[in-house]
């Protein structure tokens, strides 16, 4: 299946149009039979500025516990669209990442606090 419309919500704001890639995986050492799996989210995001920019919005959340919602498709949870919801502490965001004539990107890496709920629909 080709994933074309990833949904990435951070603190209630949608970041899918600013995400270059998103990966959500169980943290090593935890088995799938363990309740409340902890997950690690890695997302490559464009670094933008202004009232709705990634820097301004995410740096304001640094050090706080934030809700993350991730799914392969924009829409309701289903067997073909698992939706993961979890809380994680927002790290500090770089002020600048730049190369000549390129859009700056940064890697956001967070780990779930207290597991993640993965909804496969009913």
N, C-alpha and C. Protein backbone atom coordinates (compact mmCIF):
# COMPACT_ATOMS: atom_id res chain seq x y z
N UNK A 1 0.84 -1.17 0.00
CA UNK A 1 0.00 0.00 0.00
C UNK A 1 0.89 1.24 0.00
N UNK A 2 0.66 2.14 -0.88
CA UNK A 2 1.39 3.41 -0.91
C UNK A 2 0.70 4.40 0.03
N UNK A 3 1.48 4.93 0.94
CA UNK A 3 0.93 5.89 1.91
C UNK A 3 1.09 7.29 1.33
N UNK A 4 -0.02 7.96 1.14
CA UNK A 4 0.01 9.28 0.49
C UNK A 4 -0.49 10.41 1.38
N UNK A 5 -1.19 10.10 2.44
CA UNK A 5 -1.84 11.15 3.21
C UNK A 5 -1.69 10.89 4.71
N UNK A 6 -0.44 10.86 5.18
CA UNK A 6 -0.15 10.60 6.59
C UNK A 6 -0.79 11.69 7.45
N UNK A 7 -1.33 11.29 8.57
CA UNK A 7 -1.87 12.26 9.52
C UNK A 7 -0.94 12.30 10.73
N UNK A 8 -0.45 13.49 11.07
CA UNK A 8 0.41 13.69 12.23
C UNK A 8 -0.09 14.90 12.99
N UNK A 9 -0.68 14.64 14.14
CA UNK A 9 -1.21 15.71 14.98
C UNK A 9 -0.33 15.81 16.23
N UNK A 10 0.11 17.03 16.53
CA UNK A 10 0.94 17.28 17.71
C UNK A 10 0.27 18.39 18.51
N UNK A 11 -0.15 18.06 19.72
CA UNK A 11 -0.79 19.06 20.56
C UNK A 11 -2.04 19.65 19.96
N UNK A 12 -2.73 18.87 19.13
CA UNK A 12 -3.98 19.33 18.52
C UNK A 12 -3.82 20.02 17.18
N UNK A 13 -2.59 20.24 16.74
CA UNK A 13 -2.35 20.87 15.43
C UNK A 13 -1.85 19.84 14.43
N UNK A 14 -2.31 19.91 13.20
CA UNK A 14 -1.94 18.96 12.15
C UNK A 14 -0.64 19.40 11.47
N UNK A 15 0.27 18.43 11.30
CA UNK A 15 1.59 18.71 10.71
C UNK A 15 1.86 17.89 9.45
N UNK A 16 0.84 17.26 8.87
CA UNK A 16 1.07 16.38 7.73
C UNK A 16 1.68 17.11 6.54
N UNK A 17 1.34 18.35 6.31
CA UNK A 17 1.89 19.09 5.16
C UNK A 17 3.32 19.56 5.40
N UNK A 18 3.78 19.49 6.64
CA UNK A 18 5.15 19.89 6.96
C UNK A 18 6.04 18.70 7.27
N UNK A 19 5.49 17.48 7.19
CA UNK A 19 6.26 16.27 7.47
C UNK A 19 6.82 15.68 6.19
N UNK A 20 8.11 15.37 6.19
CA UNK A 20 8.75 14.70 5.06
C UNK A 20 8.68 13.19 5.24
N UNK A 21 8.80 12.73 6.49
CA UNK A 21 8.70 11.30 6.79
C UNK A 21 8.27 11.13 8.24
N UNK A 22 7.62 10.01 8.53
CA UNK A 22 7.16 9.70 9.88
C UNK A 22 7.37 8.22 10.12
N UNK A 23 7.94 7.88 11.28
CA UNK A 23 8.13 6.47 11.67
C UNK A 23 7.70 6.31 13.12
N UNK A 24 6.88 5.31 13.38
CA UNK A 24 6.45 4.99 14.74
C UNK A 24 6.74 3.53 14.97
N UNK A 25 7.56 3.23 15.99
CA UNK A 25 7.94 1.83 16.23
C UNK A 25 7.97 1.55 17.73
N UNK A 26 7.71 0.25 18.09
CA UNK A 26 7.85 -0.12 19.50
C UNK A 26 9.31 0.02 19.93
N UNK A 27 9.51 0.42 21.16
CA UNK A 27 10.87 0.57 21.69
C UNK A 27 11.44 -0.82 21.92
N UNK A 28 12.71 -1.02 21.54
CA UNK A 28 13.36 -2.33 21.67
C UNK A 28 13.29 -2.84 23.09
N UNK A 29 13.18 -4.17 23.20
CA UNK A 29 13.11 -4.80 24.51
C UNK A 29 11.70 -4.99 25.01
N UNK A 30 10.74 -4.38 24.30
CA UNK A 30 9.34 -4.53 24.65
C UNK A 30 8.72 -5.48 23.63
N UNK A 31 7.97 -6.45 24.09
CA UNK A 31 7.35 -7.39 23.15
C UNK A 31 5.93 -6.97 22.84
N UNK A 32 5.38 -7.51 21.79
CA UNK A 32 4.00 -7.19 21.40
C UNK A 32 2.98 -7.76 22.36
N UNK A 33 3.42 -8.65 23.26
CA UNK A 33 2.52 -9.22 24.26
C UNK A 33 2.48 -8.38 25.54
N UNK A 34 3.26 -7.35 25.61
CA UNK A 34 3.32 -6.48 26.78
C UNK A 34 2.20 -5.45 26.70
N UNK A 35 1.49 -5.26 27.81
CA UNK A 35 0.49 -4.19 27.86
C UNK A 35 1.19 -2.84 27.83
N UNK A 36 0.51 -1.85 27.31
CA UNK A 36 1.02 -0.48 27.28
C UNK A 36 2.41 -0.40 26.66
N UNK A 37 2.53 -0.82 25.41
CA UNK A 37 3.79 -0.70 24.69
C UNK A 37 4.25 0.75 24.67
N UNK A 38 5.53 0.95 24.83
CA UNK A 38 6.09 2.28 24.64
C UNK A 38 6.58 2.38 23.20
N UNK A 39 6.40 3.53 22.60
CA UNK A 39 6.76 3.74 21.21
C UNK A 39 7.72 4.91 21.07
N UNK A 40 8.46 4.88 19.97
CA UNK A 40 9.32 6.01 19.60
C UNK A 40 8.83 6.54 18.26
N UNK A 41 8.60 7.85 18.21
CA UNK A 41 8.20 8.53 16.98
C UNK A 41 9.39 9.31 16.46
N UNK A 42 9.70 9.12 15.19
CA UNK A 42 10.71 9.92 14.51
C UNK A 42 10.03 10.56 13.31
N UNK A 43 10.08 11.88 13.25
CA UNK A 43 9.46 12.61 12.13
C UNK A 43 10.44 13.65 11.61
N UNK A 44 10.59 13.70 10.30
CA UNK A 44 11.37 14.77 9.68
C UNK A 44 10.39 15.86 9.28
N UNK A 45 10.56 17.03 9.88
CA UNK A 45 9.65 18.14 9.65
C UNK A 45 10.37 19.32 9.02
N UNK A 46 9.65 20.06 8.18
CA UNK A 46 10.19 21.30 7.65
C UNK A 46 10.24 22.33 8.77
N UNK A 47 11.30 23.10 8.81
CA UNK A 47 11.46 24.14 9.82
C UNK A 47 10.92 25.45 9.24
N UNK A 48 9.79 25.89 9.76
CA UNK A 48 9.15 27.12 9.28
C UNK A 48 8.93 28.05 10.46
N UNK A 49 8.68 29.32 10.15
CA UNK A 49 8.55 30.35 11.18
C UNK A 49 7.24 31.11 11.01
N UNK A 50 6.91 31.89 12.01
CA UNK A 50 5.68 32.67 11.99
C UNK A 50 4.65 32.04 12.92
N UNK A 51 3.48 32.66 12.99
CA UNK A 51 2.44 32.22 13.93
C UNK A 51 2.08 30.75 13.77
N UNK A 52 2.08 30.24 12.54
CA UNK A 52 1.73 28.83 12.30
C UNK A 52 2.95 28.00 11.93
N UNK A 53 4.15 28.53 12.11
CA UNK A 53 5.37 27.82 11.77
C UNK A 53 5.71 26.73 12.76
N UNK A 54 6.42 25.71 12.29
CA UNK A 54 6.79 24.61 13.18
C UNK A 54 7.66 25.08 14.34
N UNK A 55 8.59 26.00 14.06
CA UNK A 55 9.45 26.47 15.15
C UNK A 55 8.61 27.16 16.23
N UNK A 56 7.78 28.10 15.84
CA UNK A 56 7.01 28.87 16.80
C UNK A 56 6.04 28.00 17.59
N UNK A 57 5.34 27.10 16.90
CA UNK A 57 4.36 26.27 17.58
C UNK A 57 5.00 25.22 18.48
N UNK A 58 6.01 24.50 17.96
CA UNK A 58 6.59 23.39 18.73
C UNK A 58 7.54 23.87 19.83
N UNK A 59 8.28 24.95 19.60
CA UNK A 59 9.18 25.42 20.66
C UNK A 59 8.40 25.92 21.87
N UNK A 60 7.18 26.40 21.64
CA UNK A 60 6.34 26.83 22.75
C UNK A 60 5.91 25.65 23.63
N UNK A 61 5.97 24.43 23.08
CA UNK A 61 5.58 23.23 23.83
C UNK A 61 6.76 22.51 24.48
N UNK A 62 7.98 23.00 24.26
CA UNK A 62 9.18 22.32 24.76
C UNK A 62 9.08 22.07 26.27
N UNK A 63 9.38 20.82 26.65
CA UNK A 63 9.38 20.44 28.07
C UNK A 63 8.02 20.07 28.61
N UNK A 64 6.98 20.15 27.80
CA UNK A 64 5.64 19.81 28.28
C UNK A 64 5.17 18.48 27.70
N UNK A 65 4.24 17.85 28.38
CA UNK A 65 3.65 16.60 27.93
C UNK A 65 2.59 16.94 26.89
N UNK A 66 2.73 16.38 25.69
CA UNK A 66 1.90 16.74 24.55
C UNK A 66 1.26 15.49 23.96
N UNK A 67 0.02 15.60 23.47
CA UNK A 67 -0.63 14.47 22.81
C UNK A 67 -0.20 14.40 21.35
N UNK A 68 0.16 13.18 20.90
CA UNK A 68 0.51 12.90 19.51
C UNK A 68 -0.50 11.91 18.96
N UNK A 69 -0.96 12.13 17.74
CA UNK A 69 -1.85 11.20 17.05
C UNK A 69 -1.25 10.96 15.67
N UNK A 70 -1.00 9.68 15.35
CA UNK A 70 -0.32 9.33 14.10
C UNK A 70 -1.13 8.24 13.40
N UNK A 71 -1.33 8.40 12.09
CA UNK A 71 -1.97 7.34 11.29
C UNK A 71 -1.48 7.42 9.85
N UNK A 72 -1.50 6.27 9.14
CA UNK A 72 -1.03 6.26 7.76
C UNK A 72 -1.91 7.07 6.82
N UNK A 73 -3.20 7.17 7.13
CA UNK A 73 -4.14 7.88 6.27
C UNK A 73 -4.94 8.88 7.09
N UNK A 74 -5.39 9.92 6.45
CA UNK A 74 -6.26 10.89 7.10
C UNK A 74 -7.65 10.27 7.15
N UNK A 75 -8.19 10.03 8.32
CA UNK A 75 -9.53 9.45 8.41
C UNK A 75 -9.69 8.62 9.66
N UNK A 76 -10.78 7.89 9.72
CA UNK A 76 -11.11 7.11 10.91
C UNK A 76 -10.26 5.85 10.99
N UNK A 77 -10.15 5.33 12.20
CA UNK A 77 -9.38 4.11 12.43
C UNK A 77 -10.05 2.92 11.77
N UNK A 78 -9.24 2.06 11.15
CA UNK A 78 -9.72 0.85 10.50
C UNK A 78 -8.55 -0.13 10.42
N UNK A 79 -8.83 -1.35 10.00
CA UNK A 79 -7.77 -2.35 9.85
C UNK A 79 -6.69 -1.85 8.89
N UNK A 80 -7.07 -1.04 7.92
CA UNK A 80 -6.10 -0.50 6.95
C UNK A 80 -5.61 0.89 7.33
N UNK A 81 -6.04 1.40 8.47
CA UNK A 81 -5.63 2.73 8.94
C UNK A 81 -5.52 2.75 10.46
N UNK A 82 -4.49 2.08 11.03
CA UNK A 82 -4.35 2.11 12.49
C UNK A 82 -4.01 3.52 12.98
N UNK A 83 -4.64 3.93 14.05
CA UNK A 83 -4.42 5.25 14.62
C UNK A 83 -3.77 5.08 15.99
N UNK A 84 -2.58 5.64 16.17
CA UNK A 84 -1.87 5.57 17.45
C UNK A 84 -1.99 6.92 18.16
N UNK A 85 -2.35 6.87 19.42
CA UNK A 85 -2.48 8.08 20.24
C UNK A 85 -1.61 7.88 21.48
N UNK A 86 -0.77 8.88 21.77
CA UNK A 86 0.09 8.77 22.96
C UNK A 86 0.53 10.16 23.39
N UNK A 87 1.02 10.23 24.63
CA UNK A 87 1.59 11.47 25.16
C UNK A 87 3.10 11.33 25.22
N UNK A 88 3.80 12.42 24.94
CA UNK A 88 5.26 12.45 25.01
C UNK A 88 5.70 13.87 25.35
N UNK A 89 6.88 13.96 25.96
CA UNK A 89 7.44 15.27 26.26
C UNK A 89 8.08 15.86 25.00
N UNK A 90 7.75 17.10 24.71
CA UNK A 90 8.29 17.79 23.54
C UNK A 90 9.72 18.24 23.83
N UNK A 91 10.67 17.84 22.98
CA UNK A 91 12.05 18.31 23.16
C UNK A 91 12.21 19.74 22.63
N UNK A 92 13.37 20.31 22.88
CA UNK A 92 13.69 21.63 22.31
C UNK A 92 13.78 21.50 20.79
N UNK A 93 13.38 22.53 20.09
CA UNK A 93 13.38 22.57 18.62
C UNK A 93 14.56 23.44 18.17
N UNK A 94 15.30 23.01 17.13
CA UNK A 94 16.41 23.85 16.67
C UNK A 94 15.92 25.19 16.15
N UNK A 95 16.68 26.23 16.40
CA UNK A 95 16.31 27.57 15.93
C UNK A 95 16.52 27.68 14.42
N UNK A 96 17.57 27.04 13.92
CA UNK A 96 17.84 27.15 12.49
C UNK A 96 18.56 25.90 12.00
N UNK A 97 18.12 25.41 10.84
CA UNK A 97 18.78 24.35 10.10
C UNK A 97 18.75 24.83 8.66
N UNK A 98 19.91 25.09 8.09
CA UNK A 98 19.90 25.73 6.78
C UNK A 98 21.00 25.21 5.87
N UNK A 99 20.69 25.18 4.59
CA UNK A 99 21.64 24.92 3.52
C UNK A 99 21.22 25.83 2.37
N UNK A 100 22.17 26.27 1.56
CA UNK A 100 21.81 27.20 0.48
C UNK A 100 20.73 26.62 -0.44
N UNK A 101 19.72 27.41 -0.69
CA UNK A 101 18.63 27.08 -1.63
C UNK A 101 17.84 25.83 -1.28
N UNK A 102 17.79 25.47 -0.02
CA UNK A 102 17.02 24.30 0.41
C UNK A 102 16.10 24.68 1.57
N UNK A 103 15.01 23.96 1.68
CA UNK A 103 14.12 24.12 2.83
C UNK A 103 14.75 23.37 3.99
N UNK A 104 14.94 24.05 5.11
CA UNK A 104 15.52 23.41 6.28
C UNK A 104 14.57 22.41 6.91
N UNK A 105 15.10 21.27 7.32
CA UNK A 105 14.29 20.27 8.02
C UNK A 105 15.01 19.87 9.31
N UNK A 106 14.27 19.31 10.24
CA UNK A 106 14.86 18.80 11.47
C UNK A 106 14.16 17.50 11.83
N UNK A 107 14.84 16.69 12.64
CA UNK A 107 14.30 15.41 13.06
C UNK A 107 13.73 15.56 14.47
N UNK A 108 12.45 15.28 14.60
CA UNK A 108 11.78 15.29 15.89
C UNK A 108 11.70 13.84 16.38
N UNK A 109 12.28 13.56 17.55
CA UNK A 109 12.26 12.21 18.11
C UNK A 109 11.68 12.30 19.52
N UNK A 110 10.59 11.55 19.76
CA UNK A 110 9.96 11.51 21.08
C UNK A 110 9.62 10.07 21.43
N UNK A 111 9.53 9.80 22.74
CA UNK A 111 9.12 8.49 23.22
C UNK A 111 7.84 8.63 24.02
N UNK A 112 6.93 7.68 23.80
CA UNK A 112 5.65 7.73 24.51
C UNK A 112 5.85 7.58 26.01
N UNK A 113 5.00 8.23 26.76
CA UNK A 113 5.00 8.13 28.22
C UNK A 113 3.77 7.32 28.61
N UNK A 114 3.97 6.14 29.16
CA UNK A 114 2.84 5.33 29.61
C UNK A 114 2.17 4.55 28.51
N UNK A 115 2.88 4.27 27.43
CA UNK A 115 2.33 3.46 26.36
C UNK A 115 1.55 4.27 25.35
N UNK A 116 1.04 3.57 24.36
CA UNK A 116 0.25 4.19 23.30
C UNK A 116 -0.98 3.35 23.05
N UNK A 117 -2.08 4.00 22.74
CA UNK A 117 -3.29 3.29 22.34
C UNK A 117 -3.31 3.22 20.82
N UNK A 118 -3.38 2.01 20.28
CA UNK A 118 -3.45 1.82 18.83
C UNK A 118 -4.85 1.31 18.52
N UNK A 119 -5.61 2.09 17.74
CA UNK A 119 -6.98 1.78 17.40
C UNK A 119 -7.03 1.24 15.98
N UNK A 120 -7.50 0.00 15.83
CA UNK A 120 -7.61 -0.63 14.50
C UNK A 120 -9.04 -0.58 13.98
N UNK A 121 -9.88 0.23 14.57
CA UNK A 121 -11.27 0.29 14.14
C UNK A 121 -12.07 -0.87 14.71
N UNK A 122 -13.35 -0.86 14.46
CA UNK A 122 -14.21 -1.92 15.01
C UNK A 122 -14.56 -2.93 13.96
